[in-house]
Amino acid sequence: MNLEFGGKDTNEIFAKLNLELIENTPEEIRAVTIEMDERISGSWVTSEEDEELQDKFWSLFGPDKIRSHDLRIGSTFLKQNIDLIK
């Protein structure tokens, strides 16, 4: 993926690519907020599956894309939406 967006023309870029943004549900926001709090407090236990799903998600963007290892996609979200990264 080579998407550059965030400016005034973001909606036009998405329309040209036939992409639709979908808002997170309240349940997804709650789950990722709890995960973030547990990560900050040190009580979160990461499973091997969690790491594999993170790696799979970030690999979609290619090896030349820089990302912080602190940047994570919610574990529950990835498990519930695994079809997005197959």
PDB file of N, CA and C in Angstrom:
ATOM      1  N   MET A   1       0.843  -1.177   0.000  1.00  0.00           N
ATOM      2  CA  MET A   1       0.000   0.000   0.000  1.00  0.00           C
ATOM      3  C   MET A   1       0.885   1.235   0.000  1.00  0.00           C
ATOM      4  N   ASN A   2       0.509   2.176  -0.797  1.00  0.00           N
ATOM      5  CA  ASN A   2       1.235   3.428  -0.826  1.00  0.00           C
ATOM      6  C   ASN A   2       0.219   4.557  -0.770  1.00  0.00           C
ATOM      7  N   LEU A   3      -0.320   4.785   0.416  1.00  0.00           N
ATOM      8  CA  LEU A   3      -1.346   5.798   0.587  1.00  0.00           C
ATOM      9  C   LEU A   3      -0.749   7.020   1.267  1.00  0.00           C
ATOM     10  N   GLU A   4      -0.984   8.172   0.687  1.00  0.00           N
ATOM     11  CA  GLU A   4      -0.584   9.412   1.309  1.00  0.00           C
ATOM     12  C   GLU A   4      -1.836  10.247   1.467  1.00  0.00           C
ATOM     13  N   PHE A   5      -2.278  10.394   2.702  1.00  0.00           N
ATOM     14  CA  PHE A   5      -3.492  11.146   2.952  1.00  0.00           C
ATOM     15  C   PHE A   5      -3.392  11.835   4.295  1.00  0.00           C
ATOM     16  N   GLY A   6      -4.357  12.635   4.603  1.00  0.00           N
ATOM     17  CA  GLY A   6      -4.381  13.392   5.842  1.00  0.00           C
ATOM     18  C   GLY A   6      -4.618  14.865   5.581  1.00  0.00           C
ATOM     19  N   GLY A   7      -4.556  15.255   4.326  1.00  0.00           N
ATOM     20  CA  GLY A   7      -4.793  16.648   3.958  1.00  0.00           C
ATOM     21  C   GLY A   7      -6.233  16.888   3.583  1.00  0.00           C
ATOM     22  N   LYS A   8      -6.464  18.029   2.943  1.00  0.00           N
ATOM     23  CA  LYS A   8      -7.814  18.417   2.548  1.00  0.00           C
ATOM     24  C   LYS A   8      -8.423  17.478   1.515  1.00  0.00           C
ATOM     25  N   ASP A   9      -7.564  16.793   0.751  1.00  0.00           N
ATOM     26  CA  ASP A   9      -8.074  15.945  -0.333  1.00  0.00           C
ATOM     27  C   ASP A   9      -8.223  14.472   0.047  1.00  0.00           C
ATOM     28  N   THR A  10      -8.198  14.179   1.329  1.00  0.00           N
ATOM     29  CA  THR A  10      -8.302  12.783   1.783  1.00  0.00           C
ATOM     30  C   THR A  10      -9.564  12.109   1.263  1.00  0.00           C
ATOM     31  N   ASN A  11     -10.695  12.779   1.348  1.00  0.00           N
ATOM     32  CA  ASN A  11     -11.949  12.165   0.888  1.00  0.00           C
ATOM     33  C   ASN A  11     -11.904  11.848  -0.598  1.00  0.00           C
ATOM     34  N   GLU A  12     -11.296  12.727  -1.374  1.00  0.00           N
ATOM     35  CA  GLU A  12     -11.188  12.500  -2.814  1.00  0.00           C
ATOM     36  C   GLU A  12     -10.264  11.315  -3.108  1.00  0.00           C
ATOM     37  N   ILE A  13      -9.170  11.221  -2.366  1.00  0.00           N
ATOM     38  CA  ILE A  13      -8.236  10.100  -2.543  1.00  0.00           C
ATOM     39  C   ILE A  13      -8.955   8.787  -2.257  1.00  0.00           C
ATOM     40  N   PHE A  14      -9.677   8.725  -1.148  1.00  0.00           N
ATOM     41  CA  PHE A  14     -10.395   7.507  -0.801  1.00  0.00           C
ATOM     42  C   PHE A  14     -11.456   7.178  -1.842  1.00  0.00           C
ATOM     43  N   ALA A  15     -12.157   8.181  -2.340  1.00  0.00           N
ATOM     44  CA  ALA A  15     -13.194   7.947  -3.347  1.00  0.00           C
ATOM     45  C   ALA A  15     -12.583   7.377  -4.624  1.00  0.00           C
ATOM     46  N   LYS A  16     -11.456   7.914  -5.056  1.00  0.00           N
ATOM     47  CA  LYS A  16     -10.788   7.416  -6.266  1.00  0.00           C
ATOM     48  C   LYS A  16     -10.358   5.960  -6.106  1.00  0.00           C
ATOM     49  N   LEU A  17      -9.956   5.609  -4.888  1.00  0.00           N
ATOM     50  CA  LEU A  17      -9.508   4.246  -4.618  1.00  0.00           C
ATOM     51  C   LEU A  17     -10.657   3.315  -4.234  1.00  0.00           C
ATOM     52  N   ASN A  18     -11.877   3.864  -4.208  1.00  0.00           N
ATOM     53  CA  ASN A  18     -13.063   3.111  -3.833  1.00  0.00           C
ATOM     54  C   ASN A  18     -12.933   2.525  -2.426  1.00  0.00           C
ATOM     55  N   LEU A  19     -12.382   3.343  -1.509  1.00  0.00           N
ATOM     56  CA  LEU A  19     -12.222   2.940  -0.116  1.00  0.00           C
ATOM     57  C   LEU A  19     -13.299   3.601   0.723  1.00  0.00           C
ATOM     58  N   GLU A  20     -13.783   2.867   1.690  1.00  0.00           N
ATOM     59  CA  GLU A  20     -14.787   3.390   2.606  1.00  0.00           C
ATOM     60  C   GLU A  20     -14.238   3.326   4.025  1.00  0.00           C
ATOM     61  N   LEU A  21     -14.271   4.451   4.715  1.00  0.00           N
ATOM     62  CA  LEU A  21     -13.863   4.465   6.117  1.00  0.00           C
ATOM     63  C   LEU A  21     -15.027   3.978   6.974  1.00  0.00           C
ATOM     64  N   ILE A  22     -14.714   3.111   7.925  1.00  0.00           N
ATOM     65  CA  ILE A  22     -15.728   2.582   8.823  1.00  0.00           C
ATOM     66  C   ILE A  22     -15.331   2.960  10.240  1.00  0.00           C
ATOM     67  N   GLU A  23     -16.223   3.638  10.936  1.00  0.00           N
ATOM     68  CA  GLU A  23     -15.959   4.061  12.310  1.00  0.00           C
ATOM     69  C   GLU A  23     -15.869   2.838  13.229  1.00  0.00           C
ATOM     70  N   ASN A  24     -14.992   2.937  14.217  1.00  0.00           N
ATOM     71  CA  ASN A  24     -14.916   1.876  15.221  1.00  0.00           C
ATOM     72  C   ASN A  24     -16.175   1.897  16.074  1.00  0.00           C
ATOM     73  N   THR A  25     -16.584   0.713  16.516  1.00  0.00           N
ATOM     74  CA  THR A  25     -17.754   0.610  17.387  1.00  0.00           C
ATOM     75  C   THR A  25     -17.356   0.999  18.811  1.00  0.00           C
ATOM     76  N   PRO A  26     -18.334   1.333  19.644  1.00  0.00           N
ATOM     77  CA  PRO A  26     -18.029   1.611  21.050  1.00  0.00           C
ATOM     78  C   PRO A  26     -17.325   0.432  21.732  1.00  0.00           C
ATOM     79  N   GLU A  27     -17.701  -0.781  21.357  1.00  0.00           N
ATOM     80  CA  GLU A  27     -17.075  -1.970  21.947  1.00  0.00           C
ATOM     81  C   GLU A  27     -15.600  -2.078  21.538  1.00  0.00           C
ATOM     82  N   GLU A  28     -15.296  -1.759  20.285  1.00  0.00           N
ATOM     83  CA  GLU A  28     -13.911  -1.789  19.827  1.00  0.00           C
ATOM     84  C   GLU A  28     -13.079  -0.724  20.539  1.00  0.00           C
ATOM     85  N   ILE A  29     -13.660   0.449  20.706  1.00  0.00           N
ATOM     86  CA  ILE A  29     -12.959   1.532  21.404  1.00  0.00           C
ATOM     87  C   ILE A  29     -12.715   1.151  22.855  1.00  0.00           C
ATOM     88  N   ARG A  30     -13.708   0.547  23.491  1.00  0.00           N
ATOM     89  CA  ARG A  30     -13.553   0.116  24.886  1.00  0.00           C
ATOM     90  C   ARG A  30     -12.444  -0.929  25.003  1.00  0.00           C
ATOM     91  N   ALA A  31     -12.449  -1.925  24.121  1.00  0.00           N
ATOM     92  CA  ALA A  31     -11.450  -2.999  24.177  1.00  0.00           C
ATOM     93  C   ALA A  31     -10.037  -2.459  24.004  1.00  0.00           C
ATOM     94  N   VAL A  32      -9.836  -1.562  23.042  1.00  0.00           N
ATOM     95  CA  VAL A  32      -8.494  -1.042  22.804  1.00  0.00           C
ATOM     96  C   VAL A  32      -8.068  -0.097  23.934  1.00  0.00           C
ATOM     97  N   THR A  33      -9.019   0.582  24.559  1.00  0.00           N
ATOM     98  CA  THR A  33      -8.703   1.454  25.689  1.00  0.00           C
ATOM     99  C   THR A  33      -8.258   0.628  26.890  1.00  0.00           C
ATOM    100  N   ILE A  34      -8.939  -0.468  27.141  1.00  0.00           N
ATOM    101  CA  ILE A  34      -8.537  -1.366  28.231  1.00  0.00           C
ATOM    102  C   ILE A  34      -7.168  -1.949  27.943  1.00  0.00           C
ATOM    103  N   GLU A  35      -6.942  -2.374  26.705  1.00  0.00           N
ATOM    104  CA  GLU A  35      -5.636  -2.920  26.329  1.00  0.00           C
ATOM    105  C   GLU A  35      -4.540  -1.878  26.547  1.00  0.00           C
ATOM    106  N   MET A  36      -4.782  -0.653  26.116  1.00  0.00           N
ATOM    107  CA  MET A  36      -3.784   0.411  26.272  1.00  0.00           C
ATOM    108  C   MET A  36      -3.482   0.641  27.753  1.00  0.00           C
ATOM    109  N   ASP A  37      -4.518   0.698  28.577  1.00  0.00           N
ATOM    110  CA  ASP A  37      -4.325   0.903  30.011  1.00  0.00           C
ATOM    111  C   ASP A  37      -3.520  -0.238  30.619  1.00  0.00           C
ATOM    112  N   GLU A  38      -3.825  -1.469  30.235  1.00  0.00           N
ATOM    113  CA  GLU A  38      -3.092  -2.619  30.763  1.00  0.00           C
ATOM    114  C   GLU A  38      -1.648  -2.622  30.267  1.00  0.00           C
ATOM    115  N   ARG A  39      -1.411  -2.184  29.052  1.00  0.00           N
ATOM    116  CA  ARG A  39      -0.038  -2.096  28.544  1.00  0.00           C
ATOM    117  C   ARG A  39       0.743  -1.043  29.336  1.00  0.00           C
ATOM    118  N   ILE A  40       0.115   0.101  29.578  1.00  0.00           N
ATOM    119  CA  ILE A  40       0.782   1.171  30.323  1.00  0.00           C
ATOM    120  C   ILE A  40       1.081   0.744  31.747  1.00  0.00           C
ATOM    121  N   SER A  41       0.139   0.044  32.371  1.00  0.00           N
ATOM    122  CA  SER A  41       0.331  -0.381  33.766  1.00  0.00           C
ATOM    123  C   SER A  41       1.217  -1.613  33.894  1.00  0.00           C
ATOM    124  N   GLY A  42       1.503  -2.268  32.761  1.00  0.00           N
ATOM    125  CA  GLY A  42       2.364  -3.451  32.785  1.00  0.00           C
ATOM    126  C   GLY A  42       1.644  -4.746  33.084  1.00  0.00           C
ATOM    127  N   SER A  43       0.307  -4.718  33.083  1.00  0.00           N
ATOM    128  CA  SER A  43      -0.440  -5.947  33.390  1.00  0.00           C
ATOM    129  C   SER A  43      -0.874  -6.712  32.135  1.00  0.00           C
ATOM    130  N   TRP A  44      -0.651  -6.135  30.951  1.00  0.00           N
ATOM    131  CA  TRP A  44      -1.024  -6.797  29.705  1.00  0.00           C
ATOM    132  C   TRP A  44      -0.071  -7.957  29.435  1.00  0.00           C
ATOM    133  N   VAL A  45      -0.627  -9.097  29.060  1.00  0.00           N
ATOM    134  CA  VAL A  45       0.174 -10.263  28.689  1.00  0.00           C
ATOM    135  C   VAL A  45      -0.034 -10.509  27.196  1.00  0.00           C
ATOM    136  N   THR A  46       1.030 -10.333  26.430  1.00  0.00           N
ATOM    137  CA  THR A  46       0.957 -10.522  24.989  1.00  0.00           C
ATOM    138  C   THR A  46       1.165 -11.985  24.643  1.00  0.00           C
ATOM    139  N   SER A  47       0.288 -12.501  23.804  1.00  0.00           N
ATOM    140  CA  SER A  47       0.416 -13.892  23.379  1.00  0.00           C
ATOM    141  C   SER A  47       1.199 -13.957  22.067  1.00  0.00           C
ATOM    142  N   GLU A  48       1.618 -15.146  21.716  1.00  0.00           N
ATOM    143  CA  GLU A  48       2.302 -15.358  20.445  1.00  0.00           C
ATOM    144  C   GLU A  48       1.368 -14.996  19.288  1.00  0.00           C
ATOM    145  N   GLU A  49       0.085 -15.340  19.429  1.00  0.00           N
ATOM    146  CA  GLU A  49      -0.902 -14.998  18.399  1.00  0.00           C
ATOM    147  C   GLU A  49      -0.985 -13.483  18.211  1.00  0.00           C
ATOM    148  N   ASP A  50      -0.976 -12.727  19.335  1.00  0.00           N
ATOM    149  CA  ASP A  50      -1.017 -11.267  19.245  1.00  0.00           C
ATOM    150  C   ASP A  50       0.141 -10.739  18.409  1.00  0.00           C
ATOM    151  N   GLU A  51       1.332 -11.245  18.669  1.00  0.00           N
ATOM    152  CA  GLU A  51       2.516 -10.780  17.940  1.00  0.00           C
ATOM    153  C   GLU A  51       2.444 -11.156  16.458  1.00  0.00           C
ATOM    154  N   GLU A  52       1.966 -12.348  16.183  1.00  0.00           N
ATOM    155  CA  GLU A  52       1.839 -12.784  14.791  1.00  0.00           C
ATOM    156  C   GLU A  52       0.840 -11.917  14.028  1.00  0.00           C
ATOM    157  N   LEU A  53      -0.273 -11.578  14.667  1.00  0.00           N
ATOM    158  CA  LEU A  53      -1.278 -10.734  14.016  1.00  0.00           C
ATOM    159  C   LEU A  53      -0.743  -9.323  13.795  1.00  0.00           C
ATOM    160  N   GLN A  54      -0.017  -8.786  14.769  1.00  0.00           N
ATOM    161  CA  GLN A  54       0.606  -7.471  14.591  1.00  0.00           C
ATOM    162  C   GLN A  54       1.560  -7.485  13.402  1.00  0.00           C
ATOM    163  N   ASP A  55       2.422  -8.501  13.358  1.00  0.00           N
ATOM    164  CA  ASP A  55       3.388  -8.612  12.265  1.00  0.00           C
ATOM    165  C   ASP A  55       2.680  -8.715  10.913  1.00  0.00           C
ATOM    166  N   LYS A  56       1.614  -9.509  10.892  1.00  0.00           N
ATOM    167  CA  LYS A  56       0.874  -9.693   9.645  1.00  0.00           C
ATOM    168  C   LYS A  56       0.226  -8.382   9.201  1.00  0.00           C
ATOM    169  N   PHE A  57      -0.358  -7.658  10.147  1.00  0.00           N
ATOM    170  CA  PHE A  57      -0.979  -6.380   9.820  1.00  0.00           C
ATOM    171  C   PHE A  57       0.049  -5.411   9.255  1.00  0.00           C
ATOM    172  N   TRP A  58       1.156  -5.214   9.960  1.00  0.00           N
ATOM    173  CA  TRP A  58       2.138  -4.219   9.540  1.00  0.00           C
ATOM    174  C   TRP A  58       2.869  -4.634   8.273  1.00  0.00           C
ATOM    175  N   SER A  59       2.912  -5.922   7.975  1.00  0.00           N
ATOM    176  CA  SER A  59       3.568  -6.365   6.745  1.00  0.00           C
ATOM    177  C   SER A  59       2.777  -5.938   5.500  1.00  0.00           C
ATOM    178  N   LEU A  60       1.501  -5.609   5.665  1.00  0.00           N
ATOM    179  CA  LEU A  60       0.685  -5.139   4.545  1.00  0.00           C
ATOM    180  C   LEU A  60       1.236  -3.849   3.949  1.00  0.00           C
ATOM    181  N   PHE A  61       1.977  -3.093   4.745  1.00  0.00           N
ATOM    182  CA  PHE A  61       2.463  -1.795   4.308  1.00  0.00           C
ATOM    183  C   PHE A  61       3.839  -1.863   3.671  1.00  0.00           C
ATOM    184  N   GLY A  62       4.466  -3.023   3.666  1.00  0.00           N
ATOM    185  CA  GLY A  62       5.760  -3.183   3.004  1.00  0.00           C
ATOM    186  C   GLY A  62       6.928  -2.945   3.956  1.00  0.00           C
ATOM    187  N   PRO A  63       8.062  -3.520   3.621  1.00  0.00           N
ATOM    188  CA  PRO A  63       9.229  -3.460   4.504  1.00  0.00           C
ATOM    189  C   PRO A  63       9.900  -2.084   4.575  1.00  0.00           C
ATOM    190  N   ASP A  64       9.627  -1.223   3.597  1.00  0.00           N
ATOM    191  CA  ASP A  64      10.284   0.080   3.588  1.00  0.00           C
ATOM    192  C   ASP A  64       9.539   1.136   4.390  1.00  0.00           C
ATOM    193  N   LYS A  65       8.424   0.770   4.981  1.00  0.00           N
ATOM    194  CA  LYS A  65       7.649   1.723   5.775  1.00  0.00           C
ATOM    195  C   LYS A  65       8.136   1.696   7.217  1.00  0.00           C
ATOM    196  N   ILE A  66       8.474   2.854   7.716  1.00  0.00           N
ATOM    197  CA  ILE A  66       8.961   2.961   9.090  1.00  0.00           C
ATOM    198  C   ILE A  66       7.765   3.034  10.020  1.00  0.00           C
ATOM    199  N   ARG A  67       7.865   2.311  11.106  1.00  0.00           N
ATOM    200  CA  ARG A  67       6.827   2.391  12.126  1.00  0.00           C
ATOM    201  C   ARG A  67       7.463   2.204  13.482  1.00  0.00           C
ATOM    202  N   SER A  68       6.897   2.819  14.464  1.00  0.00           N
ATOM    203  CA  SER A  68       7.365   2.666  15.828  1.00  0.00           C
ATOM    204  C   SER A  68       6.904   1.311  16.351  1.00  0.00           C
ATOM    205  N   HIS A  69       7.748   0.630  17.071  1.00  0.00           N
ATOM    206  CA  HIS A  69       7.341  -0.659  17.644  1.00  0.00           C
ATOM    207  C   HIS A  69       6.355  -0.473  18.794  1.00  0.00           C
ATOM    208  N   ASP A  70       6.195   0.783  19.236  1.00  0.00           N
ATOM    209  CA  ASP A  70       5.205   1.077  20.270  1.00  0.00           C
ATOM    210  C   ASP A  70       3.806   1.260  19.680  1.00  0.00           C
ATOM    211  N   LEU A  71       3.726   1.426  18.368  1.00  0.00           N
ATOM    212  CA  LEU A  71       2.440   1.612  17.697  1.00  0.00           C
ATOM    213  C   LEU A  71       1.822   0.244  17.456  1.00  0.00           C
ATOM    214  N   ARG A  72       0.642   0.036  18.008  1.00  0.00           N
ATOM    215  CA  ARG A  72      -0.007  -1.267  17.918  1.00  0.00           C
ATOM    216  C   ARG A  72      -1.456  -1.096  17.478  1.00  0.00           C
ATOM    217  N   ILE A  73      -1.957  -2.111  16.812  1.00  0.00           N
ATOM    218  CA  ILE A  73      -3.380  -2.205  16.501  1.00  0.00           C
ATOM    219  C   ILE A  73      -3.977  -3.076  17.600  1.00  0.00           C
ATOM    220  N   GLY A  74      -5.161  -2.746  18.066  1.00  0.00           N
ATOM    221  CA  GLY A  74      -5.773  -3.477  19.166  1.00  0.00           C
ATOM    222  C   GLY A  74      -5.834  -4.979  18.913  1.00  0.00           C
ATOM    223  N   SER A  75      -5.419  -5.736  19.901  1.00  0.00           N
ATOM    224  CA  SER A  75      -5.384  -7.194  19.803  1.00  0.00           C
ATOM    225  C   SER A  75      -6.767  -7.778  19.521  1.00  0.00           C
ATOM    226  N   THR A  76      -7.763  -7.307  20.251  1.00  0.00           N
ATOM    227  CA  THR A  76      -9.123  -7.807  20.064  1.00  0.00           C
ATOM    228  C   THR A  76      -9.625  -7.475  18.665  1.00  0.00           C
ATOM    229  N   PHE A  77      -9.337  -6.251  18.197  1.00  0.00           N
ATOM    230  CA  PHE A  77      -9.757  -5.845  16.855  1.00  0.00           C
ATOM    231  C   PHE A  77      -9.172  -6.779  15.802  1.00  0.00           C
ATOM    232  N   LEU A  78      -7.876  -7.057  15.900  1.00  0.00           N
ATOM    233  CA  LEU A  78      -7.245  -7.934  14.914  1.00  0.00           C
ATOM    234  C   LEU A  78      -7.836  -9.337  14.950  1.00  0.00           C
ATOM    235  N   LYS A  79      -8.089  -9.852  16.145  1.00  0.00           N
ATOM    236  CA  LYS A  79      -8.667 -11.194  16.256  1.00  0.00           C
ATOM    237  C   LYS A  79     -10.075 -11.243  15.683  1.00  0.00           C
ATOM    238  N   GLN A  80     -10.855 -10.175  15.893  1.00  0.00           N
ATOM    239  CA  GLN A  80     -12.230 -10.155  15.407  1.00  0.00           C
ATOM    240  C   GLN A  80     -12.333  -9.798  13.925  1.00  0.00           C
ATOM    241  N   ASN A  81     -11.245  -9.275  13.350  1.00  0.00           N
ATOM    242  CA  ASN A  81     -11.253  -8.857  11.950  1.00  0.00           C
ATOM    243  C   ASN A  81     -10.109  -9.477  11.179  1.00  0.00           C
ATOM    244  N   ILE A  82      -9.819 -10.706  11.490  1.00  0.00           N
ATOM    245  CA  ILE A  82      -8.664 -11.402  10.879  1.00  0.00           C
ATOM    246  C   ILE A  82      -8.783 -11.467   9.364  1.00  0.00           C
ATOM    247  N   ASP A  83     -10.013 -11.425   8.855  1.00  0.00           N
ATOM    248  CA  ASP A  83     -10.194 -11.470   7.398  1.00  0.00           C
ATOM    249  C   ASP A  83      -9.615 -10.235   6.706  1.00  0.00           C
ATOM    250  N   LEU A  84      -9.382  -9.161   7.439  1.00  0.00           N
ATOM    251  CA  LEU A  84      -8.782  -7.961   6.851  1.00  0.00           C
ATOM    252  C   LEU A  84      -7.292  -8.123   6.555  1.00  0.00           C
ATOM    253  N   ILE A  85      -6.664  -9.092   7.190  1.00  0.00           N
ATOM    254  CA  ILE A  85      -5.202  -9.227   7.028  1.00  0.00           C
ATOM    255  C   ILE A  85      -4.791 -10.563   6.433  1.00  0.00           C
ATOM    256  N   LYS A  86      -5.745 -11.311   5.931  1.00  0.00           N
ATOM    257  CA  LYS A  86      -5.396 -12.613   5.316  1.00  0.00           C
ATOM    258  C   LYS A  86      -4.782 -12.424   3.966  1.00  0.00           C
TER     259      LYS A  86
END
